[in-house]
Amino acid sequence: MNPENDPMDEDDMRPEYDLQGGVRGKYYKRYMDGTNLILLDPDVAAVFHDSESVNQALRGLIKVAGQLEHATSPKGERA
């Protein structure tokens, strides 16, 4: 790379960028705990407008699936 064109030598911070109130590592713990980002298809997102409604529906599905699993277990093997 030509030293005359080195982008590291240029100061491209604009005066309107004010980083004085920033907190270093503000989201570090949350990031380290991990997150699960799930993208919904548009037709599903039209029904579920927020994460709470999605969670509620999935908990209901888990409950029903668990009941179905117990109902279809072979005789004598009920939990």
C-alpha atoms as a PDB file:
ATOM      1  CA  MET A   1       0.000   0.000   0.000  1.00  0.00           C
ATOM      2  CA  ASN A   2       1.223   3.439  -0.837  1.00  0.00           C
ATOM      3  CA  PRO A   3       1.980   5.406   2.378  1.00  0.00           C
ATOM      4  CA  GLU A   4       0.553   8.541   0.769  1.00  0.00           C
ATOM      5  CA  ASN A   5      -2.876   6.871   0.444  1.00  0.00           C
ATOM      6  CA  ASP A   6      -2.939   5.220   3.872  1.00  0.00           C
ATOM      7  CA  PRO A   7      -6.505   5.708   5.219  1.00  0.00           C
ATOM      8  CA  MET A   8      -5.262   5.457   8.814  1.00  0.00           C
ATOM      9  CA  ASP A   9      -3.574   8.837   8.450  1.00  0.00           C
ATOM     10  CA  GLU A  10      -6.837  10.585   7.624  1.00  0.00           C
ATOM     11  CA  ASP A  11      -9.031  11.919  10.404  1.00  0.00           C
ATOM     12  CA  ASP A  12     -12.525  11.116   9.183  1.00  0.00           C
ATOM     13  CA  MET A  13     -14.362  11.833  12.444  1.00  0.00           C
ATOM     14  CA  ARG A  14     -16.943  14.505  11.885  1.00  0.00           C
ATOM     15  CA  PRO A  15     -17.455  17.235  14.482  1.00  0.00           C
ATOM     16  CA  GLU A  16     -21.077  16.129  15.019  1.00  0.00           C
ATOM     17  CA  TYR A  17     -19.921  12.698  16.272  1.00  0.00           C
ATOM     18  CA  ASP A  18     -19.952  13.143  20.032  1.00  0.00           C
ATOM     19  CA  LEU A  19     -18.744  10.032  21.836  1.00  0.00           C
ATOM     20  CA  GLN A  20     -18.074  11.681  25.186  1.00  0.00           C
ATOM     21  CA  GLY A  21     -21.120  10.123  26.884  1.00  0.00           C
ATOM     22  CA  GLY A  22     -20.348   6.589  25.718  1.00  0.00           C
ATOM     23  CA  VAL A  23     -19.821   3.762  28.176  1.00  0.00           C
ATOM     24  CA  ARG A  24     -17.138   1.221  27.344  1.00  0.00           C
ATOM     25  CA  GLY A  25     -18.381  -2.358  27.551  1.00  0.00           C
ATOM     26  CA  LYS A  26     -21.999  -1.395  28.241  1.00  0.00           C
ATOM     27  CA  TYR A  27     -23.388  -4.456  26.449  1.00  0.00           C
ATOM     28  CA  TYR A  28     -20.404  -6.769  26.959  1.00  0.00           C
ATOM     29  CA  LYS A  29     -22.068  -9.063  29.547  1.00  0.00           C
ATOM     30  CA  ARG A  30     -25.256  -9.363  27.506  1.00  0.00           C
ATOM     31  CA  TYR A  31     -23.186 -10.191  24.426  1.00  0.00           C
ATOM     32  CA  MET A  32     -21.162 -12.789  26.295  1.00  0.00           C
ATOM     33  CA  ASP A  33     -24.350 -14.377  27.661  1.00  0.00           C
ATOM     34  CA  GLY A  34     -25.367 -14.896  24.065  1.00  0.00           C
ATOM     35  CA  THR A  35     -28.482 -14.057  22.193  1.00  0.00           C
ATOM     36  CA  ASN A  36     -30.736 -15.963  19.864  1.00  0.00           C
ATOM     37  CA  LEU A  37     -31.790 -13.868  16.950  1.00  0.00           C
ATOM     38  CA  ILE A  38     -34.554 -15.456  14.942  1.00  0.00           C
ATOM     39  CA  LEU A  39     -35.906 -13.868  11.781  1.00  0.00           C
ATOM     40  CA  LEU A  40     -39.582 -14.342  11.054  1.00  0.00           C
ATOM     41  CA  ASP A  41     -40.972 -14.627   7.570  1.00  0.00           C
ATOM     42  CA  PRO A  42     -43.209 -11.669   6.657  1.00  0.00           C
ATOM     43  CA  ASP A  43     -46.454 -13.680   6.906  1.00  0.00           C
ATOM     44  CA  VAL A  44     -45.562 -14.840  10.424  1.00  0.00           C
ATOM     45  CA  ALA A  45     -44.391 -11.385  11.487  1.00  0.00           C
ATOM     46  CA  ALA A  46     -47.773 -10.017  10.388  1.00  0.00           C
ATOM     47  CA  VAL A  47     -49.418 -12.142  13.091  1.00  0.00           C
ATOM     48  CA  PHE A  48     -46.793 -11.832  15.841  1.00  0.00           C
ATOM     49  CA  HIS A  49     -45.974  -8.183  16.388  1.00  0.00           C
ATOM     50  CA  ASP A  50     -43.576  -8.570  19.319  1.00  0.00           C
ATOM     51  CA  SER A  51     -41.374 -11.117  21.062  1.00  0.00           C
ATOM     52  CA  GLU A  52     -43.872 -11.618  23.890  1.00  0.00           C
ATOM     53  CA  SER A  53     -46.589 -12.844  21.504  1.00  0.00           C
ATOM     54  CA  VAL A  54     -44.132 -15.207  19.818  1.00  0.00           C
ATOM     55  CA  ASN A  55     -42.978 -16.579  23.169  1.00  0.00           C
ATOM     56  CA  GLN A  56     -46.568 -17.044  24.335  1.00  0.00           C
ATOM     57  CA  ALA A  57     -47.479 -18.984  21.182  1.00  0.00           C
ATOM     58  CA  LEU A  58     -44.374 -21.173  21.396  1.00  0.00           C
ATOM     59  CA  ARG A  59     -44.991 -21.958  25.066  1.00  0.00           C
ATOM     60  CA  GLY A  60     -48.515 -23.032  24.154  1.00  0.00           C
ATOM     61  CA  LEU A  61     -47.149 -25.222  21.378  1.00  0.00           C
ATOM     62  CA  ILE A  62     -44.622 -26.792  23.747  1.00  0.00           C
ATOM     63  CA  LYS A  63     -47.388 -27.542  26.255  1.00  0.00           C
ATOM     64  CA  VAL A  64     -49.640 -29.127  23.603  1.00  0.00           C
ATOM     65  CA  ALA A  65     -46.747 -31.113  22.130  1.00  0.00           C
ATOM     66  CA  GLY A  66     -45.871 -32.409  25.597  1.00  0.00           C
ATOM     67  CA  GLN A  67     -49.470 -33.465  26.194  1.00  0.00           C
ATOM     68  CA  LEU A  68     -49.594 -35.192  22.811  1.00  0.00           C
ATOM     69  CA  GLU A  69     -46.327 -36.989  23.557  1.00  0.00           C
ATOM     70  CA  HIS A  70     -47.720 -38.323  26.828  1.00  0.00           C
ATOM     71  CA  ALA A  71     -51.012 -39.300  25.196  1.00  0.00           C
ATOM     72  CA  THR A  72     -49.294 -41.245  22.394  1.00  0.00           C
ATOM     73  CA  SER A  73     -46.724 -43.033  24.596  1.00  0.00           C
ATOM     74  CA  PRO A  74     -47.057 -46.835  24.599  1.00  0.00           C
ATOM     75  CA  LYS A  75     -49.267 -48.213  27.376  1.00  0.00           C
ATOM     76  CA  GLY A  76     -47.502 -48.461  30.706  1.00  0.00           C
ATOM     77  CA  GLU A  77     -44.779 -45.963  29.843  1.00  0.00           C
ATOM     78  CA  ARG A  78     -46.515 -42.770  30.980  1.00  0.00           C
ATOM     79  CA  ALA A  79     -44.337 -40.229  32.705  1.00  0.00           C
END
